[in-house]
């Protein structure tokens, strides 16, 4: 952060190894060599005092990710997170945000954009390489689903065709982590589900030009009709004329309230 500010103000310029910034050097000025050396010594002293007061752990977050993330990917991740830490909610105006692998590389996580999240330094440091985003529950039909039924997946969710479709190409989008209630999903899981819904919608529209609309629905709780207590989002393609009067759409879950 300090280096960025000094660079923007024309005081220093970055020293790069490839695309990685490894240090900074003073830009040519009227300072003598001795003045430059004295200024560098003062900066080193200030940094050493800061490190001693805070401990070396202040730099540990830098080791969590040693790969290069392009500016366009960083923009997409931060934009998707609304420029907030996806764990604590702190805004970028309050803290520095970093790009983090949801499933760490050390545990097989990929560099796909769906496996990135925006975290503040504090949350990123405390997370380390822990991974609690992909666990299953014995006896759950979605946790024990046959691999052959999966038509698409990303790091945190997958899509299947509904076994009892309301319409042709009725699709379910399901988080990999066993979660009963939609409202207990983590923000990165919601992001992944949203991306999958968009992908499946585009695919269905390309495959079937008769599709002219969609119902998107979640049953959260037994009183709302949920029978499988592992979150799943319905993507139901609709076609002109598939019912006599579609007006009201999802309001039809209570039949006498559909029309208004």
Protein backbone atom coordinates (compact mmCIF):
# COMPACT_ATOMS: atom_id res chain seq x y z
CA UNK A 1 0.00 0.00 0.00
CA UNK A 2 2.82 2.44 0.92
CA UNK A 3 4.70 1.55 -2.26
CA UNK A 4 1.57 2.17 -4.33
CA UNK A 5 1.03 5.60 -2.78
CA UNK A 6 4.68 6.60 -3.26
CA UNK A 7 4.60 5.36 -6.85
CA UNK A 8 1.44 7.35 -7.63
CA UNK A 9 3.11 10.46 -6.23
CA UNK A 10 6.26 9.99 -8.31
CA UNK A 11 8.58 9.29 -5.37
CA UNK A 12 9.53 5.69 -6.19
CA UNK A 13 9.22 3.20 -9.04
CA UNK A 14 8.64 -0.55 -8.68
CA UNK A 15 11.37 -3.16 -9.20
CA UNK A 16 9.83 -6.14 -10.99
CA UNK A 17 10.81 -9.75 -11.57
CA UNK A 18 8.49 -10.75 -14.39
CA UNK A 19 5.09 -9.47 -13.31
CA UNK A 20 5.85 -9.63 -9.60
CA UNK A 21 6.92 -6.49 -7.71
CA UNK A 22 9.94 -7.36 -5.56
CA UNK A 23 10.83 -3.89 -4.30
CA UNK A 24 10.96 -0.15 -5.02
CA UNK A 25 13.67 2.34 -5.94
CA UNK A 26 13.74 6.11 -5.61
CA UNK A 27 13.08 8.00 -8.81
CA UNK A 28 15.89 10.34 -9.91
CA UNK A 29 15.72 13.58 -7.95
CA UNK A 30 17.95 16.29 -6.56
CA UNK A 31 18.92 14.11 -3.58
CA UNK A 32 22.58 13.25 -3.21
CA UNK A 33 23.72 9.64 -2.84
CA UNK A 34 24.22 10.22 0.90
CA UNK A 35 20.74 11.67 1.26
CA UNK A 36 19.32 8.67 -0.59
CA UNK A 37 21.18 6.28 1.70
CA UNK A 38 20.05 8.20 4.79
CA UNK A 39 16.42 8.15 3.60
CA UNK A 40 16.57 4.40 2.93
CA UNK A 41 18.05 3.82 6.38
CA UNK A 42 15.24 5.82 8.00
CA UNK A 43 12.63 3.77 6.09
CA UNK A 44 14.32 0.51 7.12
CA UNK A 45 14.37 1.60 10.76
CA UNK A 46 10.68 2.52 10.66
CA UNK A 47 9.78 -0.83 9.08
CA UNK A 48 11.84 -2.77 11.62
CA UNK A 49 10.13 -0.96 14.50
CA UNK A 50 6.73 -1.74 12.95
CA UNK A 51 7.57 -5.42 12.42
CA UNK A 52 8.87 -5.78 15.98
CA UNK A 53 5.70 -4.21 17.36
CA UNK A 54 3.33 -6.34 15.25
CA UNK A 55 5.32 -9.52 14.72
CA UNK A 56 6.37 -11.27 11.53
CA UNK A 57 2.83 -12.67 11.17
CA UNK A 58 1.81 -9.40 9.49
CA UNK A 59 3.47 -10.69 6.32
CA UNK A 60 2.08 -14.24 6.48
CA UNK A 61 -0.89 -13.44 4.26
CA UNK A 62 1.49 -12.89 1.35
CA UNK A 63 2.46 -16.57 1.36
CA UNK A 64 -1.14 -17.71 1.03
CA UNK A 65 -1.12 -17.01 -2.69
CA UNK A 66 2.07 -16.91 -4.73
CA UNK A 67 0.57 -17.04 -8.20
CA UNK A 68 -0.35 -14.24 -10.58
CA UNK A 69 -3.98 -13.15 -10.82
CA UNK A 70 -4.76 -10.99 -13.83
CA UNK A 71 -6.32 -7.57 -13.39
CA UNK A 72 -9.48 -8.66 -15.20
CA UNK A 73 -9.99 -11.63 -12.86
CA UNK A 74 -9.35 -9.46 -9.79
CA UNK A 75 -11.92 -6.97 -11.09
CA UNK A 76 -14.55 -9.69 -11.61
CA UNK A 77 -13.98 -11.18 -8.13
CA UNK A 78 -14.10 -7.80 -6.38
CA UNK A 79 -17.12 -6.67 -8.41
CA UNK A 80 -18.96 -9.91 -7.62
CA UNK A 81 -18.20 -9.41 -3.92
CA UNK A 82 -19.41 -5.78 -4.13
CA UNK A 83 -15.94 -4.73 -3.00
CA UNK A 84 -16.40 -6.28 0.44
CA UNK A 85 -14.66 -9.09 2.32
CA UNK A 86 -16.86 -12.13 1.76
CA UNK A 87 -16.35 -13.37 5.33
CA UNK A 88 -16.56 -10.31 7.57
CA UNK A 89 -18.20 -7.83 5.17
CA UNK A 90 -15.59 -5.07 5.54
CA UNK A 91 -15.58 -2.69 2.57
CA UNK A 92 -12.47 -1.95 0.51
CA UNK A 93 -12.55 1.63 1.81
CA UNK A 94 -11.94 0.21 5.30
CA UNK A 95 -9.45 -2.58 4.63
CA UNK A 96 -7.20 -3.89 1.87
CA UNK A 97 -8.84 -6.73 -0.04
CA UNK A 98 -6.99 -9.77 -1.37
CA UNK A 99 -7.85 -12.55 -3.80
CA UNK A 100 -8.08 -15.93 -2.05
CA UNK A 101 -8.52 -19.51 -3.23
CA UNK A 102 -11.72 -20.87 -1.64
CA UNK A 103 -10.39 -24.41 -1.95
CA UNK A 104 -6.62 -24.02 -1.48
CA UNK A 105 -4.22 -25.06 -4.22
CA UNK A 106 -2.64 -27.46 -1.73
CA UNK A 107 -5.99 -29.30 -1.56
CA UNK A 108 -6.53 -29.38 -5.31
CA UNK A 109 -8.27 -26.03 -5.81
CA UNK A 110 -8.06 -24.55 -9.29
CA UNK A 111 -7.41 -21.04 -10.61
CA UNK A 112 -10.92 -20.84 -12.08
CA UNK A 113 -12.70 -17.59 -11.18
CA UNK A 114 -15.37 -19.59 -9.33
CA UNK A 115 -12.68 -20.69 -6.84
CA UNK A 116 -11.67 -17.13 -5.93
CA UNK A 117 -13.16 -14.93 -3.23
CA UNK A 118 -12.40 -11.47 -1.89
CA UNK A 119 -11.02 -11.46 1.65
CA UNK A 120 -9.56 -8.77 3.85
CA UNK A 121 -6.03 -9.32 5.18
CA UNK A 122 -7.30 -10.39 8.61
CA UNK A 123 -9.75 -13.01 7.28
CA UNK A 124 -7.27 -14.25 4.68
CA UNK A 125 -4.55 -14.71 7.31
CA UNK A 126 -6.83 -16.52 9.76
CA UNK A 127 -8.24 -18.81 7.03
CA UNK A 128 -4.83 -20.20 6.00
CA UNK A 129 -5.24 -23.56 4.19
CA UNK A 130 -8.30 -24.75 6.07
CA UNK A 131 -10.97 -26.14 3.77
CA UNK A 132 -14.52 -26.72 5.01
CA UNK A 133 -16.31 -25.99 1.76
CA UNK A 134 -16.67 -29.49 0.39
CA UNK A 135 -17.94 -32.08 2.84
CA UNK A 136 -20.72 -34.64 2.46
CA UNK A 137 -23.32 -36.34 4.63
CA UNK A 138 -23.97 -40.06 4.55
CA UNK A 139 -27.45 -40.96 3.35
CA UNK A 140 -28.06 -37.70 1.45
CA UNK A 141 -29.13 -38.42 -2.13
CA UNK A 142 -27.28 -35.39 -3.45
CA UNK A 143 -24.08 -36.09 -1.48
CA UNK A 144 -24.05 -39.67 -2.80
CA UNK A 145 -25.18 -38.83 -6.32
CA UNK A 146 -23.79 -40.96 -9.15
CA UNK A 147 -21.17 -38.99 -11.08
CA UNK A 148 -22.90 -39.83 -14.35
CA UNK A 149 -25.87 -37.62 -13.48
CA UNK A 150 -23.79 -34.45 -13.23
CA UNK A 151 -24.08 -32.32 -16.38
CA UNK A 152 -21.89 -29.42 -15.23
CA UNK A 153 -19.92 -28.32 -12.17
CA UNK A 154 -17.60 -25.69 -10.80
CA UNK A 155 -15.58 -25.58 -7.57
CA UNK A 156 -18.56 -25.26 -5.22
CA UNK A 157 -21.67 -26.57 -6.97
CA UNK A 158 -22.94 -28.84 -9.73
CA UNK A 159 -25.98 -29.20 -11.98
CA UNK A 160 -28.17 -32.20 -12.75
CA UNK A 161 -31.45 -32.81 -14.56
CA UNK A 162 -34.39 -33.21 -12.20
CA UNK A 163 -35.42 -36.86 -11.86
CA UNK A 164 -39.09 -35.81 -11.92
CA UNK A 165 -39.05 -32.86 -14.32
CA UNK A 166 -41.82 -30.30 -14.42
CA UNK A 167 -40.78 -29.49 -18.00
CA UNK A 168 -38.14 -30.77 -20.41
CA UNK A 169 -34.59 -29.78 -19.28
CA UNK A 170 -35.75 -28.98 -15.74
CA UNK A 171 -32.38 -28.52 -13.98
CA UNK A 172 -31.24 -28.52 -10.35
CA UNK A 173 -28.19 -26.55 -9.18
CA UNK A 174 -26.78 -27.99 -5.95
CA UNK A 175 -23.94 -26.90 -3.63
CA UNK A 176 -21.27 -29.55 -3.06
CA UNK A 177 -21.22 -28.84 0.66
CA UNK A 178 -24.11 -30.45 2.54
CA UNK A 179 -26.32 -27.55 3.65
CA UNK A 180 -29.99 -27.94 4.52
CA UNK A 181 -31.17 -24.35 4.19
CA UNK A 182 -30.44 -21.86 1.42
CA UNK A 183 -29.98 -19.13 4.01
CA UNK A 184 -27.06 -21.03 5.56
CA UNK A 185 -24.99 -20.96 2.36
CA UNK A 186 -21.72 -19.04 2.39
CA UNK A 187 -21.47 -16.10 0.00
CA UNK A 188 -18.95 -17.84 -2.30
CA UNK A 189 -21.40 -20.75 -2.65
CA UNK A 190 -24.18 -18.35 -3.62
CA UNK A 191 -21.83 -16.80 -6.16
CA UNK A 192 -21.05 -20.23 -7.63
CA UNK A 193 -24.74 -21.18 -7.80
CA UNK A 194 -25.59 -17.87 -9.50
CA UNK A 195 -22.88 -18.43 -12.10
CA UNK A 196 -24.10 -21.98 -12.74
CA UNK A 197 -27.70 -20.81 -13.18
CA UNK A 198 -26.58 -18.31 -15.81
CA UNK A 199 -24.47 -20.93 -17.60
CA UNK A 200 -27.30 -23.49 -17.66
CA UNK A 201 -29.82 -20.90 -18.82
CA UNK A 202 -27.60 -19.98 -21.78
CA UNK A 203 -27.04 -23.65 -22.63
CA UNK A 204 -30.76 -24.48 -22.51
CA UNK A 205 -31.63 -21.52 -24.71
CA UNK A 206 -29.08 -22.64 -27.31
CA UNK A 207 -30.25 -26.26 -27.21
CA UNK A 208 -33.99 -25.54 -27.31
CA UNK A 209 -35.25 -22.46 -29.17
CA UNK A 210 -38.82 -23.16 -27.97
CA UNK A 211 -37.87 -22.03 -24.45
CA UNK A 212 -39.15 -18.50 -23.86
CA UNK A 213 -38.90 -18.12 -20.08
CA UNK A 214 -37.79 -19.69 -16.80
CA UNK A 215 -39.00 -20.21 -13.27
CA UNK A 216 -36.20 -20.16 -10.68
CA UNK A 217 -37.17 -21.52 -7.29
CA UNK A 218 -35.90 -22.72 -3.91
CA UNK A 219 -37.90 -24.66 -1.34
CA UNK A 220 -36.51 -23.63 2.07
CA UNK A 221 -38.15 -25.64 4.86
CA UNK A 222 -40.78 -28.37 5.03
CA UNK A 223 -43.65 -25.89 5.13
CA UNK A 224 -42.35 -24.45 1.84
CA UNK A 225 -42.36 -27.88 0.22
CA UNK A 226 -38.74 -28.97 0.79
CA UNK A 227 -38.43 -32.77 0.89
CA UNK A 228 -34.68 -33.22 0.26
CA UNK A 229 -32.80 -31.30 2.93
CA UNK A 230 -29.76 -30.45 0.87
CA UNK A 231 -30.14 -27.07 -0.81
CA UNK A 232 -31.08 -27.25 -4.48
CA UNK A 233 -32.21 -24.49 -6.84
CA UNK A 234 -34.75 -25.32 -9.55
CA UNK A 235 -34.25 -23.89 -13.03
CA UNK A 236 -37.46 -24.71 -14.92
CA UNK A 237 -37.66 -23.85 -18.63
CA UNK A 238 -41.00 -22.48 -19.77
CA UNK A 239 -42.54 -22.38 -23.22
CA UNK A 240 -45.38 -20.41 -24.71
CA UNK A 241 -48.62 -22.35 -24.21
CA UNK A 242 -47.27 -24.91 -21.71
CA UNK A 243 -50.15 -23.88 -19.39
CA UNK A 244 -53.40 -22.09 -20.18
CA UNK A 245 -52.55 -18.97 -18.15
CA UNK A 246 -49.02 -18.57 -16.71
CA UNK A 247 -49.81 -15.22 -15.06
CA UNK A 248 -48.58 -15.11 -11.47
CA UNK A 249 -45.80 -17.66 -11.96
CA UNK A 250 -44.32 -18.79 -8.64
CA UNK A 251 -47.32 -17.37 -6.79
CA UNK A 252 -48.96 -20.63 -7.85
CA UNK A 253 -47.31 -22.44 -4.91
CA UNK A 254 -50.55 -21.40 -3.16
CA UNK A 255 -53.04 -22.05 -5.98
CA UNK A 256 -55.79 -19.58 -5.03
CA UNK A 257 -53.17 -16.78 -4.81
CA UNK A 258 -51.69 -17.21 -8.28
CA UNK A 259 -54.07 -14.80 -9.97
CA UNK A 260 -54.34 -11.25 -8.73
